[in-house]
Protein backbone atom coordinates (compact mmCIF):
# COMPACT_ATOMS: atom_id res chain seq x y z
CA UNK A 1 -21.05 32.07 20.99
CA UNK A 2 -19.43 32.79 17.34
CA UNK A 3 -16.57 34.69 15.94
CA UNK A 4 -17.11 36.12 13.09
CA UNK A 5 -13.89 37.51 10.42
CA UNK A 6 -13.85 39.05 7.03
CA UNK A 7 -14.78 36.03 5.01
CA UNK A 8 -16.10 32.95 7.69
CA UNK A 9 -18.56 32.35 10.31
CA UNK A 10 -17.06 30.14 12.61
CA UNK A 11 -18.33 29.08 16.22
CA UNK A 12 -15.87 28.80 19.15
CA UNK A 13 -17.54 25.54 19.99
CA UNK A 14 -19.87 22.90 18.59
CA UNK A 15 -22.56 21.08 20.74
CA UNK A 16 -22.62 17.18 20.21
CA UNK A 17 -26.05 16.24 21.07
CA UNK A 18 -25.72 12.84 21.50
CA UNK A 19 -28.71 10.25 19.64
CA UNK A 20 -31.48 12.52 18.89
CA UNK A 21 -34.88 11.21 20.00
CA UNK A 22 -33.36 8.90 22.31
CA UNK A 23 -31.99 11.25 25.32
CA UNK A 24 -34.00 9.41 27.83
CA UNK A 25 -31.95 6.38 26.82
CA UNK A 26 -28.36 7.61 27.09
CA UNK A 27 -27.88 5.98 30.37
CA UNK A 28 -29.03 2.61 28.81
CA UNK A 29 -27.42 2.97 25.57
CA UNK A 30 -23.87 3.91 27.51
CA UNK A 31 -23.72 0.31 29.29
CA UNK A 32 -23.20 -1.69 26.49
CA UNK A 33 -20.63 0.99 24.86
CA UNK A 34 -18.80 1.19 27.80
CA UNK A 35 -18.39 -2.57 28.35
CA UNK A 36 -17.18 -2.87 24.80
CA UNK A 37 -14.70 0.06 25.17
CA UNK A 38 -13.17 -1.90 28.96
CA UNK A 39 -12.70 -5.10 26.40
CA UNK A 40 -11.21 -3.15 23.60
CA UNK A 41 -8.94 -1.82 25.92
CA UNK A 42 -8.29 -4.74 28.35
CA UNK A 43 -8.02 -7.21 25.27
CA UNK A 44 -5.55 -4.92 22.99
CA UNK A 45 -3.44 -4.14 25.60
CA UNK A 46 -3.27 -7.31 26.05
CA UNK A 47 -2.20 -8.34 22.82
CA UNK A 48 0.46 -5.98 22.73
CA UNK A 49 1.96 -6.75 25.96
CA UNK A 50 2.10 -10.63 24.97
CA UNK A 51 3.36 -9.91 21.38
CA UNK A 52 6.10 -7.41 22.70
CA UNK A 53 7.45 -9.84 25.64
CA UNK A 54 6.72 -13.31 23.86
CA UNK A 55 9.65 -14.65 21.52
CA UNK A 56 7.70 -16.72 19.67
CA UNK A 57 5.26 -14.60 18.38
CA UNK A 58 7.59 -12.19 17.05
CA UNK A 59 6.64 -13.33 13.47
CA UNK A 60 5.16 -11.01 10.86
CA UNK A 61 1.83 -12.27 11.33
CA UNK A 62 2.32 -11.13 15.17
CA UNK A 63 3.69 -7.60 14.10
CA UNK A 64 0.89 -6.75 11.67
CA UNK A 65 -1.64 -7.85 14.28
CA UNK A 66 0.05 -5.39 17.07
CA UNK A 67 -0.19 -2.42 14.42
CA UNK A 68 -4.44 -3.42 13.89
CA UNK A 69 -4.37 -3.71 18.24
CA UNK A 70 -2.41 -0.25 18.40
CA UNK A 71 -4.90 1.11 15.92
CA UNK A 72 -7.89 0.06 17.49
CA UNK A 73 -6.84 1.51 20.81
CA UNK A 74 -6.77 5.07 19.01
CA UNK A 75 -9.49 4.48 16.75
CA UNK A 76 -11.97 4.10 19.64
CA UNK A 77 -10.41 6.26 22.44
CA UNK A 78 -11.18 8.95 20.25
CA UNK A 79 -14.46 8.71 20.34
CA UNK A 80 -15.45 6.76 23.44
CA UNK A 81 -14.53 8.94 26.19
CA UNK A 82 -16.13 11.92 24.86
CA UNK A 83 -19.49 9.76 24.24
CA UNK A 84 -19.58 8.46 27.40
CA UNK A 85 -18.99 12.06 28.83
CA UNK A 86 -22.38 12.87 26.90
CA UNK A 87 -24.42 9.90 28.16
CA UNK A 88 -22.93 10.36 32.09
CA UNK A 89 -22.05 14.03 32.42
CA UNK A 90 -24.32 15.75 29.94
CA UNK A 91 -21.06 16.96 28.33
CA UNK A 92 -21.99 17.97 25.09
CA UNK A 93 -19.65 21.28 24.06
CA UNK A 94 -16.31 20.23 22.21
CA UNK A 95 -13.98 23.44 21.28
CA UNK A 96 -13.74 23.61 17.44
CA UNK A 97 -10.81 22.92 16.68
CA UNK A 98 -10.71 19.95 19.38
CA UNK A 99 -13.56 19.33 17.26
CA UNK A 100 -11.44 19.27 14.00
CA UNK A 101 -8.56 17.24 15.90
CA UNK A 102 -11.13 14.63 16.73
CA UNK A 103 -12.06 14.26 13.14
CA UNK A 104 -8.73 14.04 11.98
CA UNK A 105 -8.22 11.52 14.34
CA UNK A 106 -11.09 8.94 13.47
CA UNK A 107 -10.49 9.20 9.76
CA UNK A 108 -6.85 8.59 9.69
CA UNK A 109 -7.40 5.65 11.95
CA UNK A 110 -10.44 4.00 10.26
CA UNK A 111 -8.04 4.14 7.02
CA UNK A 112 -5.27 2.95 9.09
CA UNK A 113 -7.57 -0.10 10.09
CA UNK A 114 -8.75 -0.99 6.55
CA UNK A 115 -5.29 -0.86 5.23
CA UNK A 116 -3.33 -3.18 8.16
CA UNK A 117 -6.39 -5.66 7.31
CA UNK A 118 -5.11 -5.26 3.90
CA UNK A 119 -1.61 -6.05 4.41
CA UNK A 120 -2.53 -8.74 6.89
CA UNK A 121 -4.49 -10.61 3.72
CA UNK A 122 -0.70 -9.93 2.06
CA UNK A 123 0.93 -11.67 4.74
CA UNK A 124 -1.46 -14.53 4.19
CA UNK A 125 -0.94 -14.88 0.67
CA UNK A 126 2.52 -14.94 1.38
CA UNK A 127 2.38 -17.28 4.12
CA UNK A 128 0.35 -19.70 2.19
CA UNK A 129 1.64 -19.37 -1.39
CA UNK A 130 5.13 -18.76 -0.77
CA UNK A 131 6.06 -20.46 2.82
CA UNK A 132 9.76 -21.24 2.07
CA UNK A 133 9.97 -17.59 1.23
CA UNK A 134 7.70 -15.74 3.75
CA UNK A 135 10.59 -14.81 6.31
CA UNK A 136 12.75 -13.59 3.54
CA UNK A 137 9.85 -11.48 1.44
CA UNK A 138 8.43 -9.98 5.11
CA UNK A 139 11.40 -8.67 7.25
CA UNK A 140 11.12 -6.50 9.75
CA UNK A 141 12.02 -3.47 7.51
CA UNK A 142 9.57 -4.18 5.13
CA UNK A 143 6.53 -4.76 7.92
CA UNK A 144 8.10 -1.28 9.42
CA UNK A 145 7.24 0.45 5.79
CA UNK A 146 4.27 -0.88 5.19
CA UNK A 147 2.75 -0.06 8.53
CA UNK A 148 4.27 3.59 8.21
CA UNK A 149 3.13 4.04 4.43
CA UNK A 150 -0.26 2.96 5.66
CA UNK A 151 -0.54 5.29 8.16
CA UNK A 152 0.76 8.04 5.95
CA UNK A 153 -1.62 7.36 3.30
CA UNK A 154 -4.54 7.96 5.79
CA UNK A 155 -2.74 11.51 7.18
CA UNK A 156 -2.15 12.64 3.52
CA UNK A 157 -6.11 11.74 2.42
CA UNK A 158 -7.40 12.65 5.65
CA UNK A 159 -5.91 16.22 6.19
CA UNK A 160 -8.29 18.01 3.80
CA UNK A 161 -11.09 16.90 5.49
CA UNK A 162 -9.91 19.60 8.60
CA UNK A 163 -9.30 22.20 6.23
CA UNK A 164 -12.41 21.49 3.79
CA UNK A 165 -14.82 21.84 7.04
CA UNK A 166 -12.85 24.91 8.55
CA UNK A 167 -13.65 26.83 5.43
CA UNK A 168 -17.41 26.77 5.91
CA UNK A 169 -19.62 29.57 7.10
CA UNK A 170 -21.27 28.28 10.40
CA UNK A 171 -24.38 30.72 10.40
CA UNK A 172 -27.20 27.84 10.87
CA UNK A 173 -26.17 27.21 14.88
CA UNK A 174 -23.15 25.04 16.02
CA UNK A 175 -25.82 21.80 17.42
CA UNK A 176 -24.01 18.67 15.91
CA UNK A 177 -26.74 15.68 16.36
CA UNK A 178 -23.87 13.31 16.65
CA UNK A 179 -21.79 11.66 19.48
CA UNK A 180 -18.69 12.60 17.82
CA UNK A 181 -17.29 15.16 15.16
CA UNK A 182 -17.43 13.04 11.93
CA UNK A 183 -16.49 14.81 8.57
CA UNK A 184 -19.94 14.94 7.11
CA UNK A 185 -21.90 15.70 10.19
CA UNK A 186 -20.11 18.50 10.73
CA UNK A 187 -19.98 20.26 7.29
CA UNK A 188 -23.82 19.89 7.43
CA UNK A 189 -24.38 22.22 10.14
CA UNK A 190 -22.68 24.55 7.82
CA UNK A 191 -24.91 26.79 5.47
CA UNK A 192 -22.14 26.82 2.77
CA UNK A 193 -21.99 24.72 0.12
CA UNK A 194 -20.71 21.02 0.94
CA UNK A 195 -20.81 19.51 -2.05
CA UNK A 196 -17.21 19.43 -2.40
CA UNK A 197 -16.97 18.14 0.98
CA UNK A 198 -19.14 15.26 -0.19
CA UNK A 199 -17.43 14.78 -3.57
CA UNK A 200 -14.15 14.45 -1.18
CA UNK A 201 -15.22 12.11 1.08
CA UNK A 202 -16.70 9.79 -0.94
CA UNK A 203 -13.27 9.82 -3.04
CA UNK A 204 -11.18 9.41 -0.02
CA UNK A 205 -14.02 6.15 1.00
CA UNK A 206 -13.16 4.89 -2.61
CA UNK A 207 -9.58 5.00 -2.50
CA UNK A 208 -9.05 3.83 0.45
CA UNK A 209 -11.83 1.32 1.07
CA UNK A 210 -12.55 0.54 -2.49
CA UNK A 211 -8.23 -0.32 -2.89
CA UNK A 212 -8.13 -2.27 0.22
CA UNK A 213 -10.73 -4.60 -0.36
CA UNK A 214 -9.52 -5.37 -4.22
CA UNK A 215 -6.66 -6.15 -2.49
CA UNK A 216 -7.99 -8.41 0.25
CA UNK A 217 -10.18 -9.96 -2.91
CA UNK A 218 -7.27 -10.83 -5.01
CA UNK A 219 -5.52 -12.01 -2.11
CA UNK A 220 -7.81 -14.51 -1.11
CA UNK A 221 -8.51 -15.68 -4.56
CA UNK A 222 -4.90 -16.23 -4.80
CA UNK A 223 -5.08 -18.09 -1.29
CA UNK A 224 -7.91 -20.36 -2.58
CA UNK A 225 -6.30 -21.20 -5.81
CA UNK A 226 -3.33 -22.42 -3.70
CA UNK A 227 -5.50 -24.36 -1.03
CA UNK A 228 -7.35 -25.99 -3.90
CA UNK A 229 -4.20 -27.37 -5.29
CA UNK A 230 -2.87 -29.46 -2.40
CA UNK A 231 -3.11 -33.26 -2.14
CA UNK A 232 -3.76 -33.68 1.65
CA UNK A 233 -7.33 -32.44 3.37
CA UNK A 234 -5.62 -31.84 6.47
CA UNK A 235 -2.65 -29.19 4.87
CA UNK A 236 -5.77 -27.43 3.14
CA UNK A 237 -8.14 -27.36 6.56
CA UNK A 238 -4.56 -26.36 8.15
CA UNK A 239 -4.17 -23.52 5.52
CA UNK A 240 -7.42 -22.46 5.76
CA UNK A 241 -7.30 -22.30 9.75
CA UNK A 242 -4.74 -19.32 9.35
CA UNK A 243 -7.13 -17.50 7.80
CA UNK A 244 -10.01 -17.80 9.99
CA UNK A 245 -9.04 -14.97 12.74
CA UNK A 246 -8.64 -12.47 9.40
CA UNK A 247 -11.49 -13.35 7.87
CA UNK A 248 -13.66 -12.49 10.94
CA UNK A 249 -11.58 -9.17 11.89
CA UNK A 250 -12.78 -8.57 8.33
CA UNK A 251 -16.35 -9.11 8.52
CA UNK A 252 -16.28 -7.36 11.93
CA UNK A 253 -14.75 -4.51 10.63
CA UNK A 254 -16.50 -4.03 7.23
CA UNK A 255 -20.09 -5.35 8.28
CA UNK A 256 -20.70 -2.00 10.00
CA UNK A 257 -18.81 0.26 7.57
CA UNK A 258 -20.58 -0.89 5.01
CA UNK A 259 -24.04 -0.42 6.96
CA UNK A 260 -23.34 2.92 7.83
CA UNK A 261 -21.67 3.79 4.04
CA UNK A 262 -24.80 2.71 2.28
CA UNK A 263 -27.87 3.70 4.38
CA UNK A 264 -26.49 7.43 5.02
CA UNK A 265 -26.01 7.68 1.25
CA UNK A 266 -29.00 5.74 -0.20
CA UNK A 267 -31.07 5.04 3.06
CA UNK A 268 -32.87 8.44 2.80
CA UNK A 269 -35.75 9.04 5.64
CA UNK A 270 -36.19 5.51 5.57
CA UNK A 271 -33.84 4.75 8.66
CA UNK A 272 -33.93 6.41 11.82
CA UNK A 273 -31.19 9.15 12.35
CA UNK A 274 -31.02 7.60 15.89
CA UNK A 275 -30.13 4.03 13.90
CA UNK A 276 -27.34 6.09 11.88
CA UNK A 277 -25.27 7.54 15.19
CA UNK A 278 -25.81 3.80 17.09
CA UNK A 279 -24.09 2.28 14.18
CA UNK A 280 -21.55 4.93 13.44
CA UNK A 281 -20.43 4.29 17.10
CA UNK A 282 -20.54 0.68 16.63
CA UNK A 283 -18.18 0.73 13.76
CA UNK A 284 -15.80 1.97 15.87
CA UNK A 285 -16.43 -0.07 18.76
CA UNK A 286 -17.06 -3.70 17.35
CA UNK A 287 -13.69 -4.11 15.49
CA UNK A 288 -11.93 -3.22 18.68
CA UNK A 289 -14.07 -5.44 20.74
CA UNK A 290 -13.76 -8.57 18.52
CA UNK A 291 -10.35 -8.81 16.84
CA UNK A 292 -8.45 -9.43 20.58
CA UNK A 293 -11.18 -12.10 21.40
CA UNK A 294 -11.09 -13.58 17.80
CA UNK A 295 -7.70 -14.27 17.75
CA UNK A 296 -7.20 -14.99 21.23
CA UNK A 297 -9.62 -17.89 20.47
CA UNK A 298 -8.71 -19.01 16.81
CA UNK A 299 -4.68 -18.36 17.45
CA UNK A 300 -3.08 -21.48 18.88
CA UNK A 301 0.19 -19.14 19.69
CA UNK A 302 -1.65 -16.48 20.91
CA UNK A 303 -4.41 -19.00 23.06
CA UNK A 304 -0.76 -20.76 24.69
CA UNK A 305 0.86 -17.74 25.86
CA UNK A 306 -2.13 -16.29 27.35
CA UNK A 307 -2.57 -19.80 29.10
CA UNK A 308 1.24 -19.97 30.00
CA UNK A 309 0.89 -16.22 31.53
CA UNK A 310 -2.17 -17.01 33.88
CA UNK A 311 -0.62 -20.28 34.89
CA UNK A 312 2.79 -18.37 35.26
CA UNK A 313 1.43 -15.56 37.54
CA UNK A 314 -0.46 -18.27 39.60
CA UNK A 315 2.71 -20.60 39.91
CA UNK A 316 4.66 -17.45 41.51
CA UNK A 317 1.54 -16.70 43.98
CA UNK A 318 1.52 -19.79 44.95
CA UNK A 319 5.77 -19.89 45.63
CA UNK A 320 5.07 -16.77 47.16
CA UNK A 321 2.47 -17.87 49.78
């Protein structure tokens, strides 16, 4: 059903078609997606709880990690419940404005994810290159302002997506071959000129991703130079060890992002559209799933807090019995 005004043809709702060509496998595809979502929610909520209540984790590095966990929760929750509704209950219809809202949240918080990873790289740079001034440089107000500016950057750059998409005429129908409302997937359903959408989307990707990757690269270049100058092998190993979890988070975040970005623009018809859709979902699911696992395994302070939490819980139960 569609409504018409003087200038445009706007659908009341869209139909999200899931993974085109693999409709019979939706149930099977949903199983790993659902498992990853559960791990992501439990892991990131657990990290937020620990950082909130453990005094030993009230440090800049863990405040940035809390930002990352909060971002991950919003990022995957913006799509997965809707995706699972498509896979399990065939709930494919989404209101036009709800679709634009979902698009806004997806792109804002993927940009936020990239920005927080950049802030964490700067945190590691200050911690390793200026250890004596670490606490005075990264104060709580500085951390809060950095997080707010990163969020504001995403909002300001993503808001035009909704207006650029809303202005388009949709006279080709309202079926989107995707599991969620991605900017260009929605725009391509239009029968209007989407060149502005494509150019602006590429510009935002370069402004956010390009800037953040540049900052991360410069930070780790400076870190590497500082670590190489250390005389002790143990000191070098310890310095590198503090960066391991963050490097893993960068790999888990940017690898599927780069794959989706380049195959979407340069892969043409050589890569099945179903693979594009699956990778687009993994891009939003893999970082939230792996980040709490990586930081839980690689970060001794978090690992110790988790152990104390469970051991303490067992002691309380034993005492009550």
